[in-house]
Amino acid sequence: MKKRVLGKSGLEVSALGLGCMGISFGLGVPMERAAAITFLRAAHARGVTFFDTAEAYGPFANEEIVGEALAPVRDQVVIATKFGFRNGDTAAGLDSSPTRIREVAEAALRRLRTDRIDLFYQHRVDPSVPMEDVAGTVRDLIREGKVKHFGMSEAGVASIRRAHAVQPVAALQSEYSLWWREPEKEILPTLEELGIGFVPFSPLGKGFLTGAIDATTAFPKNDFRNLVPRFSEEARRANQALVDRLGAIATQKKVTQAQIALAWLLAQKPWIVPIPGTTKLGRLEENLAAADVALTVDELREIGDALAAFEVVGERYPAQLARLVGR
């Protein structure tokens, strides 16, 4: 697996990481623990060195599984986790108070079976806590050796700048893909200016860009996509045209739609590291192969033309979640 460095942080990771959320949270029935551990170790054996978890995924179960799975290879991997929700519960509201940040760090160290958190993200900006206090608390944790790097998730430009002035931000994690390109307007230029890496989550459009989902797909009751406007039956039917166009480009290049989507992201900037999530070994191997897919200038132009001619239908978040991003 090729390696990339997140901005100017010096933090080197595999060119594609693994988003671990779906193992235990948000996408239907969680994996059985033993199967999840085997899967995570298989990912590392195939070259993945960057694993993304959070206390809120479960809550807590995801960190425990990741910690157990990676304990034997701890010094060979980079583990990212997150703070920012009250009691680790996404439905309980935000809490990035300094006391809570420290509580999360100590608990995460135990669950991850480690003595340091490689990348500690603020999961969502908490408007009730000054960003200087958030960044300052993480700075202190870094000085104490409990955290190596500071990250932010779904933050707006103003918050990024305020945080970075106190403690350099190594990476921003936000959604970015062929069907969500909003970061190109302000976020990517700011990250490039400040030397901050970018970690796109949902790089495959929450599965839609793979071509495996269509208007007839039924999601499990506890799958969060049931709440996403972009995944309404009407929106999926309208957005199918984009997937079909990407499919034609993929067929021409003899790769899969998922590989086209990931290769496109990798081609945007050398400091972008997508973290596609999956629980299936075949999909994992398919995704990782995208790191070796080189898109030519003509192919990138063809993809760009296809995107320019298409308007994605549906918001990416319901209203109550949209309020938490871009602050």
C-alpha atoms as a PDB file:
ATOM      1  CA  MET A   1       0.000   0.000   0.000  1.00  0.00           C
ATOM      2  CA  LYS A   2       1.279   3.430  -0.932  1.00  0.00           C
ATOM      3  CA  LYS A   3       1.700   5.965   1.868  1.00  0.00           C
ATOM      4  CA  ARG A   4       0.674   9.599   2.226  1.00  0.00           C
ATOM      5  CA  VAL A   5       1.474  12.333   4.744  1.00  0.00           C
ATOM      6  CA  LEU A   6      -1.393  14.362   6.212  1.00  0.00           C
ATOM      7  CA  GLY A   7      -0.462  17.956   5.428  1.00  0.00           C
ATOM      8  CA  LYS A   8       2.604  19.291   7.210  1.00  0.00           C
ATOM      9  CA  SER A   9       1.993  17.196  10.311  1.00  0.00           C
ATOM     10  CA  GLY A  10       4.483  14.483   9.402  1.00  0.00           C
ATOM     11  CA  LEU A  11       1.794  11.894  10.151  1.00  0.00           C
ATOM     12  CA  GLU A  12       2.288   9.162   7.524  1.00  0.00           C
ATOM     13  CA  VAL A  13      -0.557   6.759   6.818  1.00  0.00           C
ATOM     14  CA  SER A  14      -1.665   4.334   4.136  1.00  0.00           C
ATOM     15  CA  ALA A  15      -3.081   6.122   1.076  1.00  0.00           C
ATOM     16  CA  LEU A  16      -6.467   4.633   1.943  1.00  0.00           C
ATOM     17  CA  GLY A  17      -7.573   4.191   5.534  1.00  0.00           C
ATOM     18  CA  LEU A  18     -10.463   2.212   6.964  1.00  0.00           C
ATOM     19  CA  GLY A  19     -13.549   3.859   8.414  1.00  0.00           C
ATOM     20  CA  CYS A  20     -14.563   1.499  11.203  1.00  0.00           C
ATOM     21  CA  MET A  21     -17.958   2.976  12.130  1.00  0.00           C
ATOM     22  CA  GLY A  22     -20.078   0.441  10.256  1.00  0.00           C
ATOM     23  CA  ILE A  23     -18.569  -2.442  12.168  1.00  0.00           C
ATOM     24  CA  SER A  24     -20.726  -1.617  15.172  1.00  0.00           C
ATOM     25  CA  PHE A  25     -22.833   1.463  14.459  1.00  0.00           C
ATOM     26  CA  GLY A  26     -25.111   3.156  11.984  1.00  0.00           C
ATOM     27  CA  LEU A  27     -25.365   0.604   9.200  1.00  0.00           C
ATOM     28  CA  GLY A  28     -27.714  -2.082  10.404  1.00  0.00           C
ATOM     29  CA  VAL A  29     -26.758  -5.181  12.399  1.00  0.00           C
ATOM     30  CA  PRO A  30     -23.276  -4.859  13.977  1.00  0.00           C
ATOM     31  CA  MET A  31     -20.628  -7.428  13.115  1.00  0.00           C
ATOM     32  CA  GLU A  32     -19.977 -10.165  15.626  1.00  0.00           C
ATOM     33  CA  ARG A  33     -16.951  -9.220  17.686  1.00  0.00           C
ATOM     34  CA  ALA A  34     -14.745 -12.126  16.595  1.00  0.00           C
ATOM     35  CA  ALA A  35     -15.557 -11.520  12.937  1.00  0.00           C
ATOM     36  CA  ALA A  36     -14.851  -7.801  13.311  1.00  0.00           C
ATOM     37  CA  ILE A  37     -11.458  -8.455  14.874  1.00  0.00           C
ATOM     38  CA  THR A  38     -10.554 -10.882  12.103  1.00  0.00           C
ATOM     39  CA  PHE A  39     -11.661  -8.330   9.507  1.00  0.00           C
ATOM     40  CA  LEU A  40      -9.606  -5.486  10.994  1.00  0.00           C
ATOM     41  CA  ARG A  41      -6.519  -7.676  11.131  1.00  0.00           C
ATOM     42  CA  ALA A  42      -7.107  -8.670   7.507  1.00  0.00           C
ATOM     43  CA  ALA A  43      -7.200  -4.971   6.600  1.00  0.00           C
ATOM     44  CA  HIS A  44      -3.824  -4.419   8.233  1.00  0.00           C
ATOM     45  CA  ALA A  45      -2.394  -7.498   6.516  1.00  0.00           C
ATOM     46  CA  ARG A  46      -3.414  -5.930   3.200  1.00  0.00           C
ATOM     47  CA  GLY A  47      -1.566  -2.703   3.907  1.00  0.00           C
ATOM     48  CA  VAL A  48      -3.992  -0.481   5.823  1.00  0.00           C
ATOM     49  CA  THR A  49      -2.213   1.440   8.565  1.00  0.00           C
ATOM     50  CA  PHE A  50      -4.874   4.108   9.245  1.00  0.00           C
ATOM     51  CA  PHE A  51      -7.949   3.140  11.266  1.00  0.00           C
ATOM     52  CA  ASP A  52     -10.741   5.556  12.167  1.00  0.00           C
ATOM     53  CA  THR A  53     -13.016   5.029  15.168  1.00  0.00           C
ATOM     54  CA  ALA A  54     -14.866   7.138  17.779  1.00  0.00           C
ATOM     55  CA  GLU A  55     -16.325   6.778  21.237  1.00  0.00           C
ATOM     56  CA  ALA A  56     -19.730   7.584  19.712  1.00  0.00           C
ATOM     57  CA  TYR A  57     -19.691   4.512  17.462  1.00  0.00           C
ATOM     58  CA  GLY A  58     -21.652   2.154  19.662  1.00  0.00           C
ATOM     59  CA  PRO A  59     -21.108   4.097  21.830  1.00  0.00           C
ATOM     60  CA  PHE A  60     -17.762   2.716  23.031  1.00  0.00           C
ATOM     61  CA  ALA A  61     -17.993  -0.744  21.396  1.00  0.00           C
ATOM     62  CA  ASN A  62     -16.118   0.327  18.283  1.00  0.00           C
ATOM     63  CA  GLU A  63     -13.065   1.536  20.163  1.00  0.00           C
ATOM     64  CA  GLU A  64     -12.955  -1.683  22.164  1.00  0.00           C
ATOM     65  CA  ILE A  65     -13.014  -3.828  19.028  1.00  0.00           C
ATOM     66  CA  VAL A  66     -10.423  -1.706  17.249  1.00  0.00           C
ATOM     67  CA  GLY A  67      -8.208  -1.785  20.330  1.00  0.00           C
ATOM     68  CA  GLU A  68      -8.313  -5.554  20.656  1.00  0.00           C
ATOM     69  CA  ALA A  69      -7.837  -6.145  16.938  1.00  0.00           C
ATOM     70  CA  LEU A  70      -4.832  -3.863  16.562  1.00  0.00           C
ATOM     71  CA  ALA A  71      -3.084  -4.508  19.883  1.00  0.00           C
ATOM     72  CA  PRO A  72      -0.654  -7.019  18.317  1.00  0.00           C
ATOM     73  CA  VAL A  73       0.418  -4.480  15.671  1.00  0.00           C
ATOM     74  CA  ARG A  74      -0.054  -1.280  17.648  1.00  0.00           C
ATOM     75  CA  ASP A  75       3.278   0.257  16.658  1.00  0.00           C
ATOM     76  CA  GLN A  76       2.587  -0.354  12.965  1.00  0.00           C
ATOM     77  CA  VAL A  77      -0.716   1.527  12.762  1.00  0.00           C
ATOM     78  CA  VAL A  78      -2.219   4.980  13.223  1.00  0.00           C
ATOM     79  CA  ILE A  79      -5.444   5.050  15.226  1.00  0.00           C
ATOM     80  CA  ALA A  80      -7.779   8.032  15.099  1.00  0.00           C
ATOM     81  CA  THR A  81     -10.650   8.509  17.517  1.00  0.00           C
ATOM     82  CA  LYS A  82     -12.957  11.363  18.480  1.00  0.00           C
ATOM     83  CA  PHE A  83     -14.520  13.392  21.291  1.00  0.00           C
ATOM     84  CA  GLY A  84     -17.385  15.835  21.226  1.00  0.00           C
ATOM     85  CA  PHE A  85     -20.696  14.235  22.208  1.00  0.00           C
ATOM     86  CA  ARG A  86     -22.157  14.151  25.707  1.00  0.00           C
ATOM     87  CA  ASN A  87     -21.615  10.678  27.171  1.00  0.00           C
ATOM     88  CA  GLY A  88     -20.506   9.493  23.761  1.00  0.00           C
ATOM     89  CA  ASP A  89     -24.108   9.580  22.575  1.00  0.00           C
ATOM     90  CA  THR A  90     -24.795  11.397  19.295  1.00  0.00           C
ATOM     91  CA  ALA A  91     -28.386  11.963  20.390  1.00  0.00           C
ATOM     92  CA  ALA A  92     -27.429  13.528  23.746  1.00  0.00           C
ATOM     93  CA  GLY A  93     -25.970  16.751  22.402  1.00  0.00           C
ATOM     94  CA  LEU A  94     -22.494  18.218  22.117  1.00  0.00           C
ATOM     95  CA  ASP A  95     -19.891  18.447  24.860  1.00  0.00           C
ATOM     96  CA  SER A  96     -16.360  19.597  24.103  1.00  0.00           C
ATOM     97  CA  SER A  97     -15.700  21.015  27.540  1.00  0.00           C
ATOM     98  CA  PRO A  98     -12.075  20.590  28.658  1.00  0.00           C
ATOM     99  CA  THR A  99     -13.149  18.198  31.411  1.00  0.00           C
ATOM    100  CA  ARG A 100     -15.059  16.037  28.957  1.00  0.00           C
ATOM    101  CA  ILE A 101     -12.194  16.016  26.442  1.00  0.00           C
ATOM    102  CA  ARG A 102      -9.871  14.683  29.126  1.00  0.00           C
ATOM    103  CA  GLU A 103     -12.413  12.082  30.225  1.00  0.00           C
ATOM    104  CA  VAL A 104     -12.790  10.856  26.659  1.00  0.00           C
ATOM    105  CA  ALA A 105      -9.031  10.682  26.153  1.00  0.00           C
ATOM    106  CA  GLU A 106      -8.470   8.583  29.286  1.00  0.00           C
ATOM    107  CA  ALA A 107     -11.340   6.234  28.461  1.00  0.00           C
ATOM    108  CA  ALA A 108     -10.219   5.888  24.836  1.00  0.00           C
ATOM    109  CA  LEU A 109      -6.694   4.986  25.910  1.00  0.00           C
ATOM    110  CA  ARG A 110      -8.108   2.141  27.987  1.00  0.00           C
ATOM    111  CA  ARG A 111     -10.489   0.880  25.315  1.00  0.00           C
ATOM    112  CA  LEU A 112      -7.866   1.127  22.571  1.00  0.00           C
ATOM    113  CA  ARG A 113      -5.312  -0.683  24.748  1.00  0.00           C
ATOM    114  CA  THR A 114      -2.681   1.934  24.065  1.00  0.00           C
ATOM    115  CA  ASP A 115      -0.623   4.653  25.708  1.00  0.00           C
ATOM    116  CA  ARG A 116      -1.319   7.319  23.064  1.00  0.00           C
ATOM    117  CA  ILE A 117      -3.994   8.419  20.618  1.00  0.00           C
ATOM    118  CA  ASP A 118      -2.367   9.087  17.277  1.00  0.00           C
ATOM    119  CA  LEU A 119      -5.050  11.478  15.997  1.00  0.00           C
ATOM    120  CA  PHE A 120      -7.693  12.962  18.300  1.00  0.00           C
ATOM    121  CA  TYR A 121     -10.551  14.643  16.439  1.00  0.00           C
ATOM    122  CA  GLN A 122     -13.209  16.989  17.707  1.00  0.00           C
ATOM    123  CA  HIS A 123     -16.212  15.149  16.258  1.00  0.00           C
ATOM    124  CA  ARG A 124     -18.312  18.290  15.791  1.00  0.00           C
ATOM    125  CA  VAL A 125     -17.669  21.908  16.736  1.00  0.00           C
ATOM    126  CA  ASP A 126     -19.359  22.792  20.029  1.00  0.00           C
ATOM    127  CA  PRO A 127     -20.462  26.464  19.876  1.00  0.00           C
ATOM    128  CA  SER A 128     -20.803  26.604  23.652  1.00  0.00           C
ATOM    129  CA  VAL A 129     -17.063  26.042  24.187  1.00  0.00           C
ATOM    130  CA  PRO A 130     -14.501  28.534  22.843  1.00  0.00           C
ATOM    131  CA  MET A 131     -12.364  26.868  20.187  1.00  0.00           C
ATOM    132  CA  GLU A 132      -9.289  28.161  21.968  1.00  0.00           C
ATOM    133  CA  ASP A 133     -10.249  26.071  25.021  1.00  0.00           C
ATOM    134  CA  VAL A 134     -10.788  22.965  22.901  1.00  0.00           C
ATOM    135  CA  ALA A 135      -7.508  23.308  21.032  1.00  0.00           C
ATOM    136  CA  GLY A 136      -5.699  24.266  24.230  1.00  0.00           C
ATOM    137  CA  THR A 137      -6.897  21.142  26.012  1.00  0.00           C
ATOM    138  CA  VAL A 138      -5.733  18.913  23.172  1.00  0.00           C
ATOM    139  CA  ARG A 139      -2.427  20.822  23.111  1.00  0.00           C
ATOM    140  CA  ASP A 140      -1.964  19.960  26.776  1.00  0.00           C
ATOM    141  CA  LEU A 141      -2.768  16.286  26.105  1.00  0.00           C
ATOM    142  CA  ILE A 142      -0.144  16.318  23.366  1.00  0.00           C
ATOM    143  CA  ARG A 143       2.423  17.796  25.748  1.00  0.00           C
ATOM    144  CA  GLU A 144       1.571  15.050  28.229  1.00  0.00           C
ATOM    145  CA  GLY A 145       2.194  12.390  25.579  1.00  0.00           C
ATOM    146  CA  LYS A 146      -1.363  11.054  25.608  1.00  0.00           C
ATOM    147  CA  VAL A 147      -2.200  12.408  22.140  1.00  0.00           C
ATOM    148  CA  LYS A 148       0.087  12.781  19.122  1.00  0.00           C
ATOM    149  CA  HIS A 149      -1.971  14.940  16.736  1.00  0.00           C
ATOM    150  CA  PHE A 150      -5.095  17.140  16.800  1.00  0.00           C
ATOM    151  CA  GLY A 151      -7.871  16.813  14.242  1.00  0.00           C
ATOM    152  CA  MET A 152     -11.278  18.316  13.536  1.00  0.00           C
ATOM    153  CA  SER A 153     -14.372  16.947  11.831  1.00  0.00           C
ATOM    154  CA  GLU A 154     -16.968  18.807   9.751  1.00  0.00           C
ATOM    155  CA  ALA A 155     -15.612  22.149  10.978  1.00  0.00           C
ATOM    156  CA  GLY A 156     -15.973  25.451   9.144  1.00  0.00           C
ATOM    157  CA  VAL A 157     -13.119  27.676   8.017  1.00  0.00           C
ATOM    158  CA  ALA A 158     -13.332  30.111  10.957  1.00  0.00           C
ATOM    159  CA  SER A 159     -13.182  27.313  13.538  1.00  0.00           C
ATOM    160  CA  ILE A 160     -10.280  25.647  11.735  1.00  0.00           C
ATOM    161  CA  ARG A 161      -8.286  28.861  11.768  1.00  0.00           C
ATOM    162  CA  ARG A 162      -9.016  29.566  15.442  1.00  0.00           C
ATOM    163  CA  ALA A 163      -8.014  26.052  16.457  1.00  0.00           C
ATOM    164  CA  HIS A 164      -4.905  25.975  14.276  1.00  0.00           C
ATOM    165  CA  ALA A 165      -3.641  29.200  15.862  1.00  0.00           C
ATOM    166  CA  VAL A 166      -3.553  27.463  19.261  1.00  0.00           C
ATOM    167  CA  GLN A 167      -2.564  23.916  18.301  1.00  0.00           C
ATOM    168  CA  PRO A 168      -1.687  22.959  14.720  1.00  0.00           C
ATOM    169  CA  VAL A 169      -4.449  20.858  13.205  1.00  0.00           C
ATOM    170  CA  ALA A 170      -3.031  17.770  11.493  1.00  0.00           C
ATOM    171  CA  ALA A 171      -6.179  16.754   9.637  1.00  0.00           C
ATOM    172  CA  LEU A 172      -9.758  17.701   8.932  1.00  0.00           C
ATOM    173  CA  GLN A 173     -12.220  14.873   8.465  1.00  0.00           C
ATOM    174  CA  SER A 174     -15.344  15.759   6.496  1.00  0.00           C
ATOM    175  CA  GLU A 175     -17.509  14.296   3.789  1.00  0.00           C
ATOM    176  CA  TYR A 176     -16.119  14.622   0.271  1.00  0.00           C
ATOM    177  CA  SER A 177     -16.885  12.564  -2.804  1.00  0.00           C
ATOM    178  CA  LEU A 178     -18.008  12.726  -6.401  1.00  0.00           C
ATOM    179  CA  TRP A 179     -21.486  13.621  -5.192  1.00  0.00           C
ATOM    180  CA  TRP A 180     -20.535  16.007  -2.373  1.00  0.00           C
ATOM    181  CA  ARG A 181     -17.971  18.541  -3.550  1.00  0.00           C
ATOM    182  CA  GLU A 182     -18.772  21.435  -1.230  1.00  0.00           C
ATOM    183  CA  PRO A 183     -15.300  21.294   0.420  1.00  0.00           C
ATOM    184  CA  GLU A 184     -13.766  22.477  -2.847  1.00  0.00           C
ATOM    185  CA  LYS A 185     -15.180  25.982  -2.358  1.00  0.00           C
ATOM    186  CA  GLU A 186     -13.500  27.084   0.883  1.00  0.00           C
ATOM    187  CA  ILE A 187     -12.271  24.090   2.871  1.00  0.00           C
ATOM    188  CA  LEU A 188      -9.632  22.671   0.511  1.00  0.00           C
ATOM    189  CA  PRO A 189      -7.995  26.057  -0.186  1.00  0.00           C
ATOM    190  CA  THR A 190      -7.829  26.749   3.565  1.00  0.00           C
ATOM    191  CA  LEU A 191      -6.307  23.350   4.316  1.00  0.00           C
ATOM    192  CA  GLU A 192      -3.713  23.809   1.589  1.00  0.00           C
ATOM    193  CA  GLU A 193      -2.812  27.248   2.920  1.00  0.00           C
ATOM    194  CA  LEU A 194      -2.410  25.990   6.488  1.00  0.00           C
ATOM    195  CA  GLY A 195      -0.781  22.656   5.661  1.00  0.00           C
ATOM    196  CA  ILE A 196      -3.609  20.513   7.041  1.00  0.00           C
ATOM    197  CA  GLY A 197      -4.385  17.051   5.689  1.00  0.00           C
ATOM    198  CA  PHE A 198      -7.870  16.055   4.550  1.00  0.00           C
ATOM    199  CA  VAL A 199      -9.577  12.779   5.433  1.00  0.00           C
ATOM    200  CA  PRO A 200     -12.793  12.317   3.427  1.00  0.00           C
ATOM    201  CA  PHE A 201     -15.388  10.082   5.014  1.00  0.00           C
ATOM    202  CA  SER A 202     -18.192   8.585   2.910  1.00  0.00           C
ATOM    203  CA  PRO A 203     -15.909   8.773  -0.145  1.00  0.00           C
ATOM    204  CA  LEU A 204     -18.247   6.323  -1.882  1.00  0.00           C
ATOM    205  CA  GLY A 205     -21.358   8.367  -1.183  1.00  0.00           C
ATOM    206  CA  LYS A 206     -22.402   6.087   1.700  1.00  0.00           C
ATOM    207  CA  GLY A 207     -22.327   3.208  -0.755  1.00  0.00           C
ATOM    208  CA  PHE A 208     -24.353   4.782  -3.540  1.00  0.00           C
ATOM    209  CA  LEU A 209     -21.391   5.435  -5.839  1.00  0.00           C
ATOM    210  CA  THR A 210     -20.504   1.735  -5.873  1.00  0.00           C
ATOM    211  CA  GLY A 211     -23.550   0.962  -8.004  1.00  0.00           C
ATOM    212  CA  ALA A 212     -24.759  -1.584  -5.449  1.00  0.00           C
ATOM    213  CA  ILE A 213     -27.675   0.621  -4.309  1.00  0.00           C
ATOM    214  CA  ASP A 214     -30.632   1.704  -6.398  1.00  0.00           C
ATOM    215  CA  ALA A 215     -34.161   3.042  -5.906  1.00  0.00           C
ATOM    216  CA  THR A 216     -35.451  -0.394  -4.851  1.00  0.00           C
ATOM    217  CA  THR A 217     -32.833  -1.030  -2.142  1.00  0.00           C
ATOM    218  CA  ALA A 218     -34.310  -1.515   1.352  1.00  0.00           C
ATOM    219  CA  PHE A 219     -32.092  -0.577   4.281  1.00  0.00           C
ATOM    220  CA  PRO A 220     -32.313  -2.167   7.753  1.00  0.00           C
ATOM    221  CA  LYS A 221     -34.452  -0.224  10.228  1.00  0.00           C
ATOM    222  CA  ASN A 222     -31.447   1.001  12.203  1.00  0.00           C
ATOM    223  CA  ASP A 223     -29.483   2.101   9.127  1.00  0.00           C
ATOM    224  CA  PHE A 224     -28.952   5.879   9.311  1.00  0.00           C
ATOM    225  CA  ARG A 225     -29.411   6.219   5.557  1.00  0.00           C
ATOM    226  CA  ASN A 226     -33.145   5.893   6.184  1.00  0.00           C
ATOM    227  CA  LEU A 227     -32.941   9.442   7.619  1.00  0.00           C
ATOM    228  CA  VAL A 228     -30.879  10.963   4.811  1.00  0.00           C
ATOM    229  CA  PRO A 229     -32.860  12.927   2.187  1.00  0.00           C
ATOM    230  CA  ARG A 230     -30.372  11.932  -0.499  1.00  0.00           C
ATOM    231  CA  PHE A 231     -31.350   8.309   0.100  1.00  0.00           C
ATOM    232  CA  SER A 232     -35.083   8.727  -0.362  1.00  0.00           C
ATOM    233  CA  GLU A 233     -36.414   6.490  -3.105  1.00  0.00           C
ATOM    234  CA  GLU A 234     -37.115   9.503  -5.308  1.00  0.00           C
ATOM    235  CA  ALA A 235     -33.607  10.913  -4.850  1.00  0.00           C
ATOM    236  CA  ARG A 236     -31.952   7.581  -5.528  1.00  0.00           C
ATOM    237  CA  ARG A 237     -33.908   7.195  -8.721  1.00  0.00           C
ATOM    238  CA  ALA A 238     -32.868  10.677  -9.864  1.00  0.00           C
ATOM    239  CA  ASN A 239     -29.231  10.205  -8.872  1.00  0.00           C
ATOM    240  CA  GLN A 240     -28.905   6.883 -10.674  1.00  0.00           C
ATOM    241  CA  ALA A 241     -27.913   8.745 -13.832  1.00  0.00           C
ATOM    242  CA  LEU A 242     -24.643   9.841 -12.228  1.00  0.00           C
ATOM    243  CA  VAL A 243     -23.825   6.302 -11.109  1.00  0.00           C
ATOM    244  CA  ASP A 244     -24.578   4.985 -14.594  1.00  0.00           C
ATOM    245  CA  ARG A 245     -22.240   7.546 -16.126  1.00  0.00           C
ATOM    246  CA  LEU A 246     -19.459   6.629 -13.719  1.00  0.00           C
ATOM    247  CA  GLY A 247     -20.147   2.992 -14.486  1.00  0.00           C
ATOM    248  CA  ALA A 248     -19.537   3.605 -18.164  1.00  0.00           C
ATOM    249  CA  ILE A 249     -16.220   5.331 -17.398  1.00  0.00           C
ATOM    250  CA  ALA A 250     -15.219   2.477 -15.067  1.00  0.00           C
ATOM    251  CA  THR A 251     -16.044  -0.156 -17.680  1.00  0.00           C
ATOM    252  CA  GLN A 252     -13.955   1.675 -20.243  1.00  0.00           C
ATOM    253  CA  LYS A 253     -10.986   1.675 -17.837  1.00  0.00           C
ATOM    254  CA  LYS A 254     -11.662  -1.903 -16.672  1.00  0.00           C
ATOM    255  CA  VAL A 255     -12.054  -0.987 -13.019  1.00  0.00           C
ATOM    256  CA  THR A 256     -15.078  -0.730 -10.730  1.00  0.00           C
ATOM    257  CA  GLN A 257     -17.212   2.301  -9.960  1.00  0.00           C
ATOM    258  CA  ALA A 258     -15.902   2.344  -6.398  1.00  0.00           C
ATOM    259  CA  GLN A 259     -12.334   2.373  -7.658  1.00  0.00           C
ATOM    260  CA  ILE A 260     -13.086   5.282  -9.992  1.00  0.00           C
ATOM    261  CA  ALA A 261     -14.634   7.245  -7.113  1.00  0.00           C
ATOM    262  CA  LEU A 262     -11.663   6.631  -4.802  1.00  0.00           C
ATOM    263  CA  ALA A 263      -9.027   7.192  -7.484  1.00  0.00           C
ATOM    264  CA  TRP A 264     -10.684  10.508  -8.315  1.00  0.00           C
ATOM    265  CA  LEU A 265     -10.369  11.626  -4.693  1.00  0.00           C
ATOM    266  CA  LEU A 266      -6.736  10.537  -4.497  1.00  0.00           C
ATOM    267  CA  ALA A 267      -6.021  12.530  -7.644  1.00  0.00           C
ATOM    268  CA  GLN A 268      -7.323  15.790  -6.175  1.00  0.00           C
ATOM    269  CA  LYS A 269      -4.494  16.449  -3.676  1.00  0.00           C
ATOM    270  CA  PRO A 270      -1.508  14.405  -2.420  1.00  0.00           C
ATOM    271  CA  TRP A 271      -2.547  15.087   1.185  1.00  0.00           C
ATOM    272  CA  ILE A 272      -6.037  13.607   0.844  1.00  0.00           C
ATOM    273  CA  VAL A 273      -6.561  10.198   2.493  1.00  0.00           C
ATOM    274  CA  PRO A 274     -10.053   8.727   2.055  1.00  0.00           C
ATOM    275  CA  ILE A 275     -11.397   6.308   4.655  1.00  0.00           C
ATOM    276  CA  PRO A 276     -14.009   4.115   2.948  1.00  0.00           C
ATOM    277  CA  GLY A 277     -15.857   1.902   5.375  1.00  0.00           C
ATOM    278  CA  THR A 278     -16.957  -1.665   4.751  1.00  0.00           C
ATOM    279  CA  THR A 279     -17.482  -4.907   6.632  1.00  0.00           C
ATOM    280  CA  LYS A 280     -16.904  -7.202   3.652  1.00  0.00           C
ATOM    281  CA  LEU A 281     -13.453  -8.492   2.745  1.00  0.00           C
ATOM    282  CA  GLY A 282     -14.173  -8.443  -0.980  1.00  0.00           C
ATOM    283  CA  ARG A 283     -15.208  -4.801  -0.855  1.00  0.00           C
ATOM    284  CA  LEU A 284     -12.151  -3.966   1.233  1.00  0.00           C
ATOM    285  CA  GLU A 285      -9.842  -5.502  -1.348  1.00  0.00           C
ATOM    286  CA  GLU A 286     -11.696  -3.735  -4.151  1.00  0.00           C
ATOM    287  CA  ASN A 287     -11.347  -0.391  -2.368  1.00  0.00           C
ATOM    288  CA  LEU A 288      -7.659  -0.825  -1.589  1.00  0.00           C
ATOM    289  CA  ALA A 289      -6.902  -1.631  -5.221  1.00  0.00           C
ATOM    290  CA  ALA A 290      -8.032   1.905  -6.055  1.00  0.00           C
ATOM    291  CA  ALA A 291      -4.721   3.197  -4.685  1.00  0.00           C
ATOM    292  CA  ASP A 292      -3.082   1.762  -7.802  1.00  0.00           C
ATOM    293  CA  VAL A 293      -5.605   3.214 -10.260  1.00  0.00           C
ATOM    294  CA  ALA A 294      -4.060   6.205 -12.028  1.00  0.00           C
ATOM    295  CA  LEU A 295      -6.502   8.475 -13.821  1.00  0.00           C
ATOM    296  CA  THR A 296      -5.178  10.309 -16.854  1.00  0.00           C
ATOM    297  CA  VAL A 297      -5.773  13.988 -17.530  1.00  0.00           C
ATOM    298  CA  ASP A 298      -8.348  13.040 -20.157  1.00  0.00           C
ATOM    299  CA  GLU A 299     -10.132  10.683 -17.772  1.00  0.00           C
ATOM    300  CA  LEU A 300     -10.262  13.309 -15.053  1.00  0.00           C
ATOM    301  CA  ARG A 301     -11.654  15.768 -17.588  1.00  0.00           C
ATOM    302  CA  GLU A 302     -14.296  13.242 -18.643  1.00  0.00           C
ATOM    303  CA  ILE A 303     -15.341  12.716 -15.014  1.00  0.00           C
ATOM    304  CA  GLY A 304     -15.408  16.466 -14.472  1.00  0.00           C
ATOM    305  CA  ASP A 305     -17.629  16.949 -17.502  1.00  0.00           C
ATOM    306  CA  ALA A 306     -20.003  14.269 -16.221  1.00  0.00           C
ATOM    307  CA  LEU A 307     -20.218  15.977 -12.834  1.00  0.00           C
ATOM    308  CA  ALA A 308     -20.757  19.402 -14.366  1.00  0.00           C
ATOM    309  CA  ALA A 309     -23.712  18.112 -16.341  1.00  0.00           C
ATOM    310  CA  PHE A 310     -25.421  16.583 -13.315  1.00  0.00           C
ATOM    311  CA  GLU A 311     -27.086  18.062 -10.240  1.00  0.00           C
ATOM    312  CA  VAL A 312     -27.338  15.688  -7.291  1.00  0.00           C
ATOM    313  CA  VAL A 313     -30.827  15.449  -5.813  1.00  0.00           C
ATOM    314  CA  GLY A 314     -31.366  15.497  -2.025  1.00  0.00           C
ATOM    315  CA  GLU A 315     -29.570  16.988   0.961  1.00  0.00           C
ATOM    316  CA  ARG A 316     -26.771  14.956   2.519  1.00  0.00           C
ATOM    317  CA  TYR A 317     -28.118  15.360   6.070  1.00  0.00           C
ATOM    318  CA  PRO A 318     -31.551  15.825   7.620  1.00  0.00           C
ATOM    319  CA  ALA A 319     -32.043  19.282   9.144  1.00  0.00           C
ATOM    320  CA  GLN A 320     -31.181  18.324  12.725  1.00  0.00           C
ATOM    321  CA  LEU A 321     -27.776  16.947  11.660  1.00  0.00           C
ATOM    322  CA  ALA A 322     -27.064  19.654   9.093  1.00  0.00           C
ATOM    323  CA  ARG A 323     -27.046  22.193  11.928  1.00  0.00           C
ATOM    324  CA  LEU A 324     -23.975  20.497  13.416  1.00  0.00           C
ATOM    325  CA  VAL A 325     -21.665  20.884  10.437  1.00  0.00           C
ATOM    326  CA  GLY A 326     -19.687  23.753   8.974  1.00  0.00           C
ATOM    327  CA  ARG A 327     -19.497  25.719  12.225  1.00  0.00           C
END
